[in-house]
Amino acid sequence: MRLFVILSCFLAGCLAQKPHTCSTPPLMSGALTVSTQNEKLWTYAKYLYDGLGQRLRLVELGTYENKSFTYDALLLFREATMYEINEHDRTCKKKPLKADFQPWAVPKDASLVGQAVVGSSSGPGQGLLVNTWTGNLSNKAGKYMTTVTEFGCIPVSTVYHTDQFGWVVTSFFNNVIGIPDPGQLNPPDFCMDAEIQANVEKEPTDFLSLFLNKH
């Protein structure tokens, strides 16, 4: 009985601790969706995220202004280079990458909105404890709100506002710590001879513009 009381007090103390800002695991894979308030853009993507090597790959399908698209992009931030890959035709476009690498993390200056259980807290395994944070986007571009799991800092969703699209919602799911096939974060063999395209009008400059880069 005494052990039970001690364990109960320890558990209550853990749950009472104030959440802290955090970083996601440096190697992750999974899927995400991006949708906009004005319904111009909706996309589903499988992702590979390498925070150590500053690499990101997105294989997408979706609609933009009622037109369907597929897209496969490999972003190598340290080389300031991105590849648009067409596995079917074995073709590749090499472009300059203007965006800076942004680690997947809750910024240290974010403010805690609150903690909640997604699902149910009625029984074991029925719910997921998450923390929601808010803060200001860079260059005074507005505010963001992001939700991550309390344990592991796994991304759940991010919301922010733009003049062009209204609210933009990114939802993460099927997240796995690690990358099953690290070779997918290297350019395919048929990309080796690709020359970088100069004077490209639509280099991606942030996460959202990456999804619009193919139009």
Protein backbone atom coordinates (compact mmCIF):
# COMPACT_ATOMS: atom_id res chain seq x y z
CA MET A 1 0.00 0.00 0.00
CA ARG A 2 2.81 2.39 0.88
CA LEU A 3 4.47 1.68 -2.50
CA PHE A 4 1.21 2.44 -4.28
CA VAL A 5 0.94 5.79 -2.49
CA ILE A 6 4.53 6.68 -3.36
CA LEU A 7 4.02 5.78 -7.02
CA SER A 8 0.78 7.74 -7.12
CA CYS A 9 2.47 10.82 -5.70
CA PHE A 10 5.34 10.47 -8.16
CA LEU A 11 2.92 10.19 -11.10
CA ALA A 12 0.93 13.20 -9.91
CA GLY A 13 4.16 15.18 -9.61
CA CYS A 14 5.20 14.27 -13.15
CA LEU A 15 1.86 15.30 -14.60
CA ALA A 16 1.94 18.56 -12.65
CA GLN A 17 5.26 19.63 -14.16
CA LYS A 18 5.00 22.59 -16.51
CA PRO A 19 5.64 21.64 -20.16
CA HIS A 20 8.83 22.94 -21.76
CA THR A 21 9.62 23.89 -25.35
CA CYS A 22 11.27 21.02 -27.20
CA SER A 23 12.74 19.69 -30.45
CA THR A 24 11.41 16.78 -32.45
CA PRO A 25 13.65 13.71 -32.91
CA PRO A 26 16.37 14.54 -35.47
CA LEU A 27 15.44 11.65 -37.78
CA MET A 28 11.78 11.12 -38.60
CA SER A 29 9.50 9.82 -41.33
CA GLY A 30 5.76 9.79 -41.76
CA ALA A 31 2.99 11.66 -43.54
CA LEU A 32 1.35 15.05 -43.42
CA THR A 33 -1.45 17.07 -45.00
CA VAL A 34 -1.54 20.78 -45.78
CA SER A 35 -4.85 22.58 -46.33
CA THR A 36 -5.80 26.24 -46.64
CA GLN A 37 -8.83 28.16 -45.43
CA ASN A 38 -9.71 29.42 -48.91
CA GLU A 39 -9.62 25.82 -50.22
CA LYS A 40 -7.13 26.67 -52.97
CA LEU A 41 -4.57 24.11 -51.76
CA TRP A 42 -4.84 20.63 -50.31
CA THR A 43 -1.99 18.17 -50.40
CA TYR A 44 -0.97 14.86 -48.86
CA ALA A 45 2.72 14.09 -48.58
CA LYS A 46 5.00 11.40 -47.26
CA TYR A 47 8.03 12.96 -45.65
CA LEU A 48 11.58 12.08 -44.62
CA TYR A 49 13.18 14.52 -42.19
CA ASP A 50 16.89 14.60 -41.36
CA GLY A 51 17.56 17.35 -38.85
CA LEU A 52 21.21 16.32 -38.51
CA GLY A 53 22.09 16.52 -42.19
CA GLN A 54 19.52 19.26 -42.88
CA ARG A 55 17.73 17.25 -45.54
CA LEU A 56 14.01 16.90 -46.29
CA ARG A 57 12.13 14.88 -48.90
CA LEU A 58 8.45 15.28 -49.70
CA VAL A 59 6.48 13.06 -52.07
CA GLU A 60 3.15 14.79 -52.63
CA LEU A 61 -0.20 14.47 -54.31
CA GLY A 62 -2.96 17.03 -54.07
CA THR A 63 -4.94 19.80 -55.71
CA TYR A 64 -4.19 23.46 -56.26
CA GLU A 65 -6.92 25.74 -57.65
CA ASN A 66 -8.92 22.62 -58.58
CA LYS A 67 -6.05 21.09 -60.56
CA SER A 68 -4.47 17.81 -59.44
CA PHE A 69 -0.72 17.42 -59.12
CA THR A 70 2.00 15.06 -57.97
CA TYR A 71 5.40 16.25 -56.82
CA ASP A 72 8.61 14.76 -55.47
CA ALA A 73 11.14 17.16 -53.98
CA LEU A 74 14.45 16.59 -52.23
CA LEU A 75 15.79 19.60 -50.33
CA LEU A 76 19.48 19.70 -49.37
CA PHE A 77 19.78 22.83 -47.24
CA ARG A 78 23.52 22.63 -46.61
CA GLU A 79 24.13 22.58 -50.37
CA ALA A 80 21.40 25.23 -50.96
CA THR A 81 20.06 22.90 -53.64
CA MET A 82 16.77 21.16 -54.33
CA TYR A 83 15.88 18.42 -56.78
CA GLU A 84 12.52 17.94 -58.45
CA ILE A 85 12.43 14.20 -59.10
CA ASN A 86 10.35 12.21 -61.58
CA GLU A 87 10.97 8.56 -60.78
CA HIS A 88 8.65 7.35 -63.57
CA ASP A 89 10.46 9.21 -66.36
CA ARG A 90 13.82 9.09 -64.57
CA THR A 91 14.26 12.83 -64.99
CA CYS A 92 15.46 15.44 -62.54
CA LYS A 93 15.51 19.23 -62.24
CA LYS A 94 18.16 20.84 -60.05
CA LYS A 95 17.35 24.27 -58.61
CA PRO A 96 18.82 26.76 -56.13
CA LEU A 97 17.23 26.54 -52.69
CA LYS A 98 16.58 29.93 -51.14
CA ALA A 99 14.99 28.75 -47.91
CA ASP A 100 16.97 28.45 -44.68
CA PHE A 101 16.76 25.17 -42.81
CA GLN A 102 14.21 25.33 -40.01
CA PRO A 103 14.54 22.56 -37.42
CA TRP A 104 11.23 21.00 -36.43
CA ALA A 105 10.93 22.32 -32.91
CA VAL A 106 8.86 24.47 -30.60
CA PRO A 107 10.75 27.80 -30.52
CA LYS A 108 12.18 28.73 -27.14
CA ASP A 109 10.21 31.99 -27.10
CA ALA A 110 6.85 30.22 -27.67
CA SER A 111 4.11 30.60 -25.08
CA LEU A 112 2.17 27.65 -23.72
CA VAL A 113 -1.52 27.71 -24.60
CA GLY A 114 -2.37 24.59 -22.67
CA GLN A 115 -2.16 20.84 -22.29
CA ALA A 116 -4.88 18.45 -23.39
CA VAL A 117 -5.66 14.83 -24.14
CA VAL A 118 -6.48 13.95 -27.74
CA GLY A 119 -8.97 11.12 -27.60
CA SER A 120 -10.05 10.01 -24.14
CA SER A 121 -8.46 9.93 -20.70
CA SER A 122 -10.97 7.34 -19.47
CA GLY A 123 -8.70 4.35 -19.97
CA PRO A 124 -5.11 3.35 -20.79
CA GLY A 125 -4.17 3.80 -24.43
CA GLN A 126 -7.32 5.77 -25.27
CA GLY A 127 -5.73 9.21 -25.40
CA LEU A 128 -2.62 11.17 -26.30
CA LEU A 129 -1.23 13.93 -24.09
CA VAL A 130 -0.30 16.99 -26.16
CA ASN A 131 0.92 20.54 -25.58
CA THR A 132 -0.15 23.52 -27.68
CA TRP A 133 2.12 26.52 -28.11
CA THR A 134 1.80 29.90 -29.80
CA GLY A 135 4.19 32.59 -30.94
CA ASN A 136 5.03 35.13 -33.61
CA LEU A 137 6.19 34.24 -37.09
CA SER A 138 9.46 35.76 -38.28
CA ASN A 139 9.44 39.20 -39.90
CA LYS A 140 6.22 40.06 -38.00
CA ALA A 141 4.23 37.97 -40.48
CA GLY A 142 1.60 37.02 -37.90
CA LYS A 143 1.14 34.30 -35.32
CA TYR A 144 1.39 30.54 -35.34
CA MET A 145 0.01 27.77 -33.15
CA THR A 146 1.66 24.37 -32.95
CA THR A 147 0.78 21.18 -31.11
CA VAL A 148 3.25 18.43 -30.17
CA THR A 149 3.09 15.36 -27.99
CA GLU A 150 4.16 15.79 -24.37
CA PHE A 151 6.35 12.70 -24.58
CA GLY A 152 8.74 12.70 -27.52
CA CYS A 153 7.84 16.15 -28.94
CA ILE A 154 6.28 14.52 -32.00
CA PRO A 155 4.51 17.09 -34.22
CA VAL A 156 0.72 16.84 -34.36
CA SER A 157 -0.39 20.04 -36.12
CA THR A 158 0.63 23.59 -36.96
CA VAL A 159 -1.65 26.50 -37.84
CA TYR A 160 -0.71 29.97 -39.09
CA HIS A 161 -2.28 32.76 -41.15
CA THR A 162 -1.29 34.19 -44.54
CA ASP A 163 -2.79 37.00 -46.60
CA GLN A 164 -2.90 34.77 -49.69
CA PHE A 165 -4.60 31.69 -48.25
CA GLY A 166 -6.04 32.63 -44.86
CA TRP A 167 -5.41 29.94 -42.24
CA VAL A 168 -2.98 27.21 -43.26
CA VAL A 169 -3.18 23.92 -41.36
CA THR A 170 -0.49 21.22 -41.42
CA SER A 171 -1.40 17.91 -39.76
CA PHE A 172 1.12 15.12 -39.07
CA PHE A 173 0.35 11.41 -38.68
CA ASN A 174 1.91 7.94 -38.96
CA ASN A 175 5.10 9.46 -37.56
CA VAL A 176 8.02 7.09 -37.03
CA ILE A 177 11.30 7.92 -35.30
CA GLY A 178 14.07 7.06 -37.77
CA ILE A 179 14.34 6.74 -41.54
CA PRO A 180 13.84 3.23 -42.98
CA ASP A 181 15.74 3.97 -46.21
CA PRO A 182 18.31 6.78 -45.76
CA GLY A 183 19.25 6.47 -49.45
CA GLN A 184 16.03 8.32 -50.31
CA LEU A 185 17.63 11.45 -48.89
CA ASN A 186 20.32 11.35 -51.58
CA PRO A 187 19.75 12.38 -55.20
CA PRO A 188 18.95 9.37 -57.46
CA ASP A 189 21.59 8.24 -59.94
CA PHE A 190 19.79 9.89 -62.85
CA CYS A 191 20.09 13.26 -61.08
CA MET A 192 23.89 13.20 -61.01
CA ASP A 193 24.27 14.98 -64.36
CA ALA A 194 21.55 17.55 -63.72
CA GLU A 195 22.78 21.13 -63.96
CA ILE A 196 21.40 23.77 -61.67
CA GLN A 197 18.81 26.00 -63.32
CA ALA A 198 19.65 29.68 -63.09
CA ASN A 199 17.12 32.52 -62.95
CA VAL A 200 14.36 30.29 -61.63
CA GLU A 201 11.35 32.45 -60.79
CA LYS A 202 9.79 30.32 -58.05
CA GLU A 203 12.50 28.96 -55.82
CA PRO A 204 10.89 27.94 -52.53
CA THR A 205 11.60 30.44 -49.79
CA ASP A 206 9.55 28.81 -47.01
CA PHE A 207 7.67 25.61 -46.22
CA LEU A 208 4.38 26.67 -47.84
CA SER A 209 5.98 27.99 -51.04
CA LEU A 210 7.54 24.56 -51.52
CA PHE A 211 4.07 23.11 -52.10
CA LEU A 212 3.32 25.85 -54.64
CA ASN A 213 6.63 25.55 -56.48
CA LYS A 214 5.36 23.14 -59.12
CA HIS A 215 2.65 25.46 -60.48
